[in-house]
Amino acid sequence: MGQLVTVENQEIPIEDDTTAAELKEQAELDENAVLTYRGEDGFESLNDDDVVAEHVDEGEQLNPQPLAEDNVFGDL
């Protein structure tokens, strides 16, 4: 069926089997970015091979975080 998620203020339709890597490509994000979202226990991140719909609900806001060699989420 599919659902909508929001990435950087863009509503993006995804299929039930869309991976985080595919979503980053659809949103035109850097391939090295990590998608994060607010889960029940705080902030969670998606690996590139994670199926987005298995982790987030319809309308969920996902935020890209840059990766850096010496800092998990880049410079803050």
PDB file of N, CA and C in Angstrom:
ATOM      1  N   MET A   1       0.822  -1.188   0.000  1.00  0.00           N
ATOM      2  CA  MET A   1       0.000   0.000   0.000  1.00  0.00           C
ATOM      3  C   MET A   1       0.867   1.254   0.000  1.00  0.00           C
ATOM      4  N   GLY A   2       1.653   1.497   1.053  1.00  0.00           N
ATOM      5  CA  GLY A   2       2.513   2.663   1.104  1.00  0.00           C
ATOM      6  C   GLY A   2       2.042   3.696   2.107  1.00  0.00           C
ATOM      7  N   GLN A   3       2.893   4.674   2.338  1.00  0.00           N
ATOM      8  CA  GLN A   3       2.575   5.735   3.284  1.00  0.00           C
ATOM      9  C   GLN A   3       3.410   6.958   2.953  1.00  0.00           C
ATOM     10  N   LEU A   4       3.131   8.066   3.639  1.00  0.00           N
ATOM     11  CA  LEU A   4       3.900   9.290   3.483  1.00  0.00           C
ATOM     12  C   LEU A   4       4.778   9.489   4.707  1.00  0.00           C
ATOM     13  N   VAL A   5       6.015   9.912   4.489  1.00  0.00           N
ATOM     14  CA  VAL A   5       6.896  10.341   5.565  1.00  0.00           C
ATOM     15  C   VAL A   5       7.420  11.725   5.183  1.00  0.00           C
ATOM     16  N   THR A   6       7.947  12.446   6.158  1.00  0.00           N
ATOM     17  CA  THR A   6       8.475  13.781   5.903  1.00  0.00           C
ATOM     18  C   THR A   6       9.976  13.787   6.137  1.00  0.00           C
ATOM     19  N   VAL A   7      10.709  14.280   5.138  1.00  0.00           N
ATOM     20  CA  VAL A   7      12.160  14.416   5.231  1.00  0.00           C
ATOM     21  C   VAL A   7      12.503  15.834   4.797  1.00  0.00           C
ATOM     22  N   GLU A   8      13.117  16.604   5.689  1.00  0.00           N
ATOM     23  CA  GLU A   8      13.481  17.992   5.397  1.00  0.00           C
ATOM     24  C   GLU A   8      12.313  18.765   4.784  1.00  0.00           C
ATOM     25  N   ASN A   9      11.178  18.716   5.433  1.00  0.00           N
ATOM     26  CA  ASN A   9       9.961  19.433   5.032  1.00  0.00           C
ATOM     27  C   ASN A   9       9.384  18.989   3.690  1.00  0.00           C
ATOM     28  N   GLN A  10       9.807  17.834   3.187  1.00  0.00           N
ATOM     29  CA  GLN A  10       9.235  17.256   1.967  1.00  0.00           C
ATOM     30  C   GLN A  10       8.403  16.039   2.354  1.00  0.00           C
ATOM     31  N   GLU A  11       7.165  15.995   1.918  1.00  0.00           N
ATOM     32  CA  GLU A  11       6.377  14.776   2.097  1.00  0.00           C
ATOM     33  C   GLU A  11       6.753  13.824   0.973  1.00  0.00           C
ATOM     34  N   ILE A  12       7.186  12.631   1.348  1.00  0.00           N
ATOM     35  CA  ILE A  12       7.665  11.667   0.363  1.00  0.00           C
ATOM     36  C   ILE A  12       6.873  10.375   0.501  1.00  0.00           C
ATOM     37  N   PRO A  13       6.239   9.930  -0.592  1.00  0.00           N
ATOM     38  CA  PRO A  13       5.529   8.649  -0.536  1.00  0.00           C
ATOM     39  C   PRO A  13       6.528   7.498  -0.588  1.00  0.00           C
ATOM     40  N   ILE A  14       6.324   6.520   0.279  1.00  0.00           N
ATOM     41  CA  ILE A  14       7.176   5.332   0.267  1.00  0.00           C
ATOM     42  C   ILE A  14       6.302   4.093   0.161  1.00  0.00           C
ATOM     43  N   GLU A  15       6.886   3.040  -0.361  1.00  0.00           N
ATOM     44  CA  GLU A  15       6.215   1.747  -0.432  1.00  0.00           C
ATOM     45  C   GLU A  15       6.522   0.970   0.840  1.00  0.00           C
ATOM     46  N   ASP A  16       5.817  -0.115   1.042  1.00  0.00           N
ATOM     47  CA  ASP A  16       6.004  -0.931   2.241  1.00  0.00           C
ATOM     48  C   ASP A  16       7.397  -1.543   2.336  1.00  0.00           C
ATOM     49  N   ASP A  17       8.127  -1.606   1.210  1.00  0.00           N
ATOM     50  CA  ASP A  17       9.457  -2.218   1.218  1.00  0.00           C
ATOM     51  C   ASP A  17      10.589  -1.229   0.933  1.00  0.00           C
ATOM     52  N   THR A  18      10.310   0.080   1.006  1.00  0.00           N
ATOM     53  CA  THR A  18      11.332   1.096   0.750  1.00  0.00           C
ATOM     54  C   THR A  18      12.377   1.088   1.863  1.00  0.00           C
ATOM     55  N   THR A  19      13.647   1.015   1.473  1.00  0.00           N
ATOM     56  CA  THR A  19      14.725   1.045   2.464  1.00  0.00           C
ATOM     57  C   THR A  19      15.142   2.489   2.753  1.00  0.00           C
ATOM     58  N   ALA A  20      15.890   2.662   3.830  1.00  0.00           N
ATOM     59  CA  ALA A  20      16.392   3.989   4.182  1.00  0.00           C
ATOM     60  C   ALA A  20      17.286   4.535   3.070  1.00  0.00           C
ATOM     61  N   ALA A  21      18.101   3.676   2.455  1.00  0.00           N
ATOM     62  CA  ALA A  21      18.967   4.114   1.357  1.00  0.00           C
ATOM     63  C   ALA A  21      18.132   4.628   0.182  1.00  0.00           C
ATOM     64  N   GLU A  22      17.054   3.939  -0.140  1.00  0.00           N
ATOM     65  CA  GLU A  22      16.178   4.373  -1.238  1.00  0.00           C
ATOM     66  C   GLU A  22      15.486   5.687  -0.892  1.00  0.00           C
ATOM     67  N   LEU A  23      15.080   5.838   0.362  1.00  0.00           N
ATOM     68  CA  LEU A  23      14.436   7.083   0.784  1.00  0.00           C
ATOM     69  C   LEU A  23      15.417   8.247   0.705  1.00  0.00           C
ATOM     70  N   LYS A  24      16.655   8.035   1.107  1.00  0.00           N
ATOM     71  CA  LYS A  24      17.660   9.101   1.006  1.00  0.00           C
ATOM     72  C   LYS A  24      17.847   9.517  -0.447  1.00  0.00           C
ATOM     73  N   GLU A  25      17.837   8.545  -1.350  1.00  0.00           N
ATOM     74  CA  GLU A  25      17.968   8.853  -2.777  1.00  0.00           C
ATOM     75  C   GLU A  25      16.763   9.654  -3.264  1.00  0.00           C
ATOM     76  N   GLN A  26      15.550   9.244  -2.865  1.00  0.00           N
ATOM     77  CA  GLN A  26      14.338   9.972  -3.255  1.00  0.00           C
ATOM     78  C   GLN A  26      14.364  11.408  -2.749  1.00  0.00           C
ATOM     79  N   ALA A  27      14.887  11.610  -1.538  1.00  0.00           N
ATOM     80  CA  ALA A  27      14.922  12.937  -0.926  1.00  0.00           C
ATOM     81  C   ALA A  27      16.144  13.742  -1.357  1.00  0.00           C
ATOM     82  N   GLU A  28      16.981  13.146  -2.223  1.00  0.00           N
ATOM     83  CA  GLU A  28      18.196  13.782  -2.729  1.00  0.00           C
ATOM     84  C   GLU A  28      19.136  14.179  -1.595  1.00  0.00           C
ATOM     85  N   LEU A  29      19.317  13.251  -0.641  1.00  0.00           N
ATOM     86  CA  LEU A  29      20.226  13.465   0.479  1.00  0.00           C
ATOM     87  C   LEU A  29      21.574  12.825   0.182  1.00  0.00           C
ATOM     88  N   ASP A  30      22.586  13.271   0.893  1.00  0.00           N
ATOM     89  CA  ASP A  30      23.911  12.666   0.793  1.00  0.00           C
ATOM     90  C   ASP A  30      23.809  11.195   1.186  1.00  0.00           C
ATOM     91  N   GLU A  31      24.438  10.331   0.428  1.00  0.00           N
ATOM     92  CA  GLU A  31      24.352   8.892   0.709  1.00  0.00           C
ATOM     93  C   GLU A  31      24.975   8.524   2.048  1.00  0.00           C
ATOM     94  N   ASN A  32      25.840   9.382   2.593  1.00  0.00           N
ATOM     95  CA  ASN A  32      26.480   9.107   3.876  1.00  0.00           C
ATOM     96  C   ASN A  32      25.676   9.609   5.072  1.00  0.00           C
ATOM     97  N   ALA A  33      24.578  10.291   4.828  1.00  0.00           N
ATOM     98  CA  ALA A  33      23.741  10.781   5.926  1.00  0.00           C
ATOM     99  C   ALA A  33      23.042   9.608   6.607  1.00  0.00           C
ATOM    100  N   VAL A  34      22.684   9.811   7.867  1.00  0.00           N
ATOM    101  CA  VAL A  34      21.920   8.827   8.627  1.00  0.00           C
ATOM    102  C   VAL A  34      20.554   9.436   8.903  1.00  0.00           C
ATOM    103  N   LEU A  35      19.489   8.687   8.631  1.00  0.00           N
ATOM    104  CA  LEU A  35      18.140   9.168   8.923  1.00  0.00           C
ATOM    105  C   LEU A  35      17.797   8.848  10.373  1.00  0.00           C
ATOM    106  N   THR A  36      17.338   9.870  11.103  1.00  0.00           N
ATOM    107  CA  THR A  36      16.948   9.686  12.497  1.00  0.00           C
ATOM    108  C   THR A  36      15.484  10.061  12.671  1.00  0.00           C
ATOM    109  N   TYR A  37      14.883   9.527  13.726  1.00  0.00           N
ATOM    110  CA  TYR A  37      13.496   9.840  14.063  1.00  0.00           C
ATOM    111  C   TYR A  37      13.327   9.684  15.566  1.00  0.00           C
ATOM    112  N   ARG A  38      12.255  10.255  16.105  1.00  0.00           N
ATOM    113  CA  ARG A  38      11.999  10.142  17.536  1.00  0.00           C
ATOM    114  C   ARG A  38      11.188   8.881  17.789  1.00  0.00           C
ATOM    115  N   GLY A  39      11.792   7.931  18.487  1.00  0.00           N
ATOM    116  CA  GLY A  39      11.128   6.684  18.848  1.00  0.00           C
ATOM    117  C   GLY A  39      10.607   6.746  20.274  1.00  0.00           C
ATOM    118  N   GLU A  40      10.095   5.642  20.760  1.00  0.00           N
ATOM    119  CA  GLU A  40       9.554   5.577  22.119  1.00  0.00           C
ATOM    120  C   GLU A  40      10.619   5.838  23.176  1.00  0.00           C
ATOM    121  N   ASP A  41      11.855   5.456  22.906  1.00  0.00           N
ATOM    122  CA  ASP A  41      12.939   5.593  23.882  1.00  0.00           C
ATOM    123  C   ASP A  41      13.915   6.709  23.530  1.00  0.00           C
ATOM    124  N   GLY A  42      13.492   7.683  22.759  1.00  0.00           N
ATOM    125  CA  GLY A  42      14.383   8.767  22.348  1.00  0.00           C
ATOM    126  C   GLY A  42      14.659   8.690  20.863  1.00  0.00           C
ATOM    127  N   PHE A  43      15.779   9.260  20.461  1.00  0.00           N
ATOM    128  CA  PHE A  43      16.110   9.282  19.048  1.00  0.00           C
ATOM    129  C   PHE A  43      16.639   7.937  18.590  1.00  0.00           C
ATOM    130  N   GLU A  44      16.173   7.521  17.419  1.00  0.00           N
ATOM    131  CA  GLU A  44      16.576   6.259  16.793  1.00  0.00           C
ATOM    132  C   GLU A  44      17.161   6.590  15.423  1.00  0.00           C
ATOM    133  N   SER A  45      17.984   5.706  14.896  1.00  0.00           N
ATOM    134  CA  SER A  45      18.524   5.899  13.553  1.00  0.00           C
ATOM    135  C   SER A  45      18.232   4.676  12.699  1.00  0.00           C
ATOM    136  N   LEU A  46      18.187   4.895  11.394  1.00  0.00           N
ATOM    137  CA  LEU A  46      17.942   3.815  10.440  1.00  0.00           C
ATOM    138  C   LEU A  46      19.232   3.466   9.712  1.00  0.00           C
ATOM    139  N   ASN A  47      19.517   2.185   9.598  1.00  0.00           N
ATOM    140  CA  ASN A  47      20.600   1.721   8.737  1.00  0.00           C
ATOM    141  C   ASN A  47      20.101   1.752   7.301  1.00  0.00           C
ATOM    142  N   ASP A  48      21.006   1.828   6.345  1.00  0.00           N
ATOM    143  CA  ASP A  48      20.609   1.913   4.940  1.00  0.00           C
ATOM    144  C   ASP A  48      19.715   0.766   4.494  1.00  0.00           C
ATOM    145  N   ASP A  49      19.898  -0.425   5.054  1.00  0.00           N
ATOM    146  CA  ASP A  49      19.092  -1.568   4.620  1.00  0.00           C
ATOM    147  C   ASP A  49      17.814  -1.757   5.439  1.00  0.00           C
ATOM    148  N   ASP A  50      17.549  -0.866   6.402  1.00  0.00           N
ATOM    149  CA  ASP A  50      16.298  -0.944   7.166  1.00  0.00           C
ATOM    150  C   ASP A  50      15.113  -0.568   6.287  1.00  0.00           C
ATOM    151  N   VAL A  51      14.017  -1.302   6.418  1.00  0.00           N
ATOM    152  CA  VAL A  51      12.775  -0.973   5.715  1.00  0.00           C
ATOM    153  C   VAL A  51      12.067   0.098   6.540  1.00  0.00           C
ATOM    154  N   VAL A  52      11.894   1.272   5.958  1.00  0.00           N
ATOM    155  CA  VAL A  52      11.399   2.441   6.682  1.00  0.00           C
ATOM    156  C   VAL A  52      10.045   2.179   7.335  1.00  0.00           C
ATOM    157  N   ALA A  53       9.105   1.586   6.605  1.00  0.00           N
ATOM    158  CA  ALA A  53       7.745   1.371   7.111  1.00  0.00           C
ATOM    159  C   ALA A  53       7.704   0.429   8.315  1.00  0.00           C
ATOM    160  N   GLU A  54       8.751  -0.357   8.520  1.00  0.00           N
ATOM    161  CA  GLU A  54       8.807  -1.248   9.679  1.00  0.00           C
ATOM    162  C   GLU A  54       9.224  -0.511  10.947  1.00  0.00           C
ATOM    163  N   HIS A  55       9.696   0.728  10.797  1.00  0.00           N
ATOM    164  CA  HIS A  55      10.222   1.486  11.935  1.00  0.00           C
ATOM    165  C   HIS A  55       9.431   2.749  12.250  1.00  0.00           C
ATOM    166  N   VAL A  56       8.800   3.361  11.261  1.00  0.00           N
ATOM    167  CA  VAL A  56       8.105   4.633  11.491  1.00  0.00           C
ATOM    168  C   VAL A  56       6.662   4.558  11.009  1.00  0.00           C
ATOM    169  N   ASP A  57       5.839   5.417  11.590  1.00  0.00           N
ATOM    170  CA  ASP A  57       4.424   5.479  11.235  1.00  0.00           C
ATOM    171  C   ASP A  57       4.179   6.499  10.131  1.00  0.00           C
ATOM    172  N   GLU A  58       3.001   6.438   9.563  1.00  0.00           N
ATOM    173  CA  GLU A  58       2.546   7.405   8.554  1.00  0.00           C
ATOM    174  C   GLU A  58       2.774   8.823   9.072  1.00  0.00           C
ATOM    175  N   GLY A  59       3.347   9.673   8.227  1.00  0.00           N
ATOM    176  CA  GLY A  59       3.540  11.076   8.563  1.00  0.00           C
ATOM    177  C   GLY A  59       4.747  11.367   9.441  1.00  0.00           C
ATOM    178  N   GLU A  60       5.502  10.348   9.796  1.00  0.00           N
ATOM    179  CA  GLU A  60       6.666  10.524  10.680  1.00  0.00           C
ATOM    180  C   GLU A  60       7.678  11.487  10.069  1.00  0.00           C
ATOM    181  N   GLN A  61       8.290  12.308  10.921  1.00  0.00           N
ATOM    182  CA  GLN A  61       9.353  13.226  10.515  1.00  0.00           C
ATOM    183  C   GLN A  61      10.692  12.514  10.656  1.00  0.00           C
ATOM    184  N   LEU A  62      11.432  12.414   9.555  1.00  0.00           N
ATOM    185  CA  LEU A  62      12.777  11.840   9.568  1.00  0.00           C
ATOM    186  C   LEU A  62      13.777  12.962   9.318  1.00  0.00           C
ATOM    187  N   ASN A  63      14.880  12.943  10.061  1.00  0.00           N
ATOM    188  CA  ASN A  63      15.881  13.997   9.945  1.00  0.00           C
ATOM    189  C   ASN A  63      17.222  13.410   9.539  1.00  0.00           C
ATOM    190  N   PRO A  64      17.832  13.942   8.475  1.00  0.00           N
ATOM    191  CA  PRO A  64      19.151  13.458   8.079  1.00  0.00           C
ATOM    192  C   PRO A  64      20.227  14.054   8.981  1.00  0.00           C
ATOM    193  N   GLN A  65      21.176  13.236   9.364  1.00  0.00           N
ATOM    194  CA  GLN A  65      22.319  13.682  10.159  1.00  0.00           C
ATOM    195  C   GLN A  65      23.575  13.302   9.389  1.00  0.00           C
ATOM    196  N   PRO A  66      24.516  14.234   9.259  1.00  0.00           N
ATOM    197  CA  PRO A  66      25.754  13.907   8.540  1.00  0.00           C
ATOM    198  C   PRO A  66      26.631  12.990   9.373  1.00  0.00           C
ATOM    199  N   LEU A  67      27.350  12.129   8.704  1.00  0.00           N
ATOM    200  CA  LEU A  67      28.331  11.282   9.381  1.00  0.00           C
ATOM    201  C   LEU A  67      29.712  11.900   9.207  1.00  0.00           C
ATOM    202  N   ALA A  68      30.512  11.812  10.243  1.00  0.00           N
ATOM    203  CA  ALA A  68      31.904  12.248  10.179  1.00  0.00           C
ATOM    204  C   ALA A  68      32.753  11.151  10.800  1.00  0.00           C
ATOM    205  N   GLU A  69      34.016  11.090  10.421  1.00  0.00           N
ATOM    206  CA  GLU A  69      34.885  10.024  10.913  1.00  0.00           C
ATOM    207  C   GLU A  69      35.030  10.032  12.427  1.00  0.00           C
ATOM    208  N   ASP A  70      35.118  11.218  13.042  1.00  0.00           N
ATOM    209  CA  ASP A  70      35.387  11.294  14.472  1.00  0.00           C
ATOM    210  C   ASP A  70      34.166  11.662  15.312  1.00  0.00           C
ATOM    211  N   ASN A  71      33.006  11.811  14.693  1.00  0.00           N
ATOM    212  CA  ASN A  71      31.799  12.183  15.423  1.00  0.00           C
ATOM    213  C   ASN A  71      30.628  11.506  14.731  1.00  0.00           C
ATOM    214  N   VAL A  72      29.892  10.695  15.449  1.00  0.00           N
ATOM    215  CA  VAL A  72      28.836   9.887  14.839  1.00  0.00           C
ATOM    216  C   VAL A  72      27.896  10.722  13.988  1.00  0.00           C
ATOM    217  N   PHE A  73      27.463  11.894  14.473  1.00  0.00           N
ATOM    218  CA  PHE A  73      26.525  12.714  13.719  1.00  0.00           C
ATOM    219  C   PHE A  73      27.155  13.999  13.207  1.00  0.00           C
ATOM    220  N   GLY A  74      28.438  13.975  12.899  1.00  0.00           N
ATOM    221  CA  GLY A  74      29.086  15.145  12.334  1.00  0.00           C
ATOM    222  C   GLY A  74      29.298  16.229  13.371  1.00  0.00           C
ATOM    223  N   ASP A  75      29.616  17.413  12.913  1.00  0.00           N
ATOM    224  CA  ASP A  75      29.866  18.538  13.814  1.00  0.00           C
ATOM    225  C   ASP A  75      28.553  19.138  14.269  1.00  0.00           C
ATOM    226  N   LEU A  76      28.434  19.336  15.563  1.00  0.00           N
ATOM    227  CA  LEU A  76      27.221  19.936  16.122  1.00  0.00           C
ATOM    228  C   LEU A  76      27.491  21.343  16.555  1.00  0.00           C
TER     229      LEU A  76
END
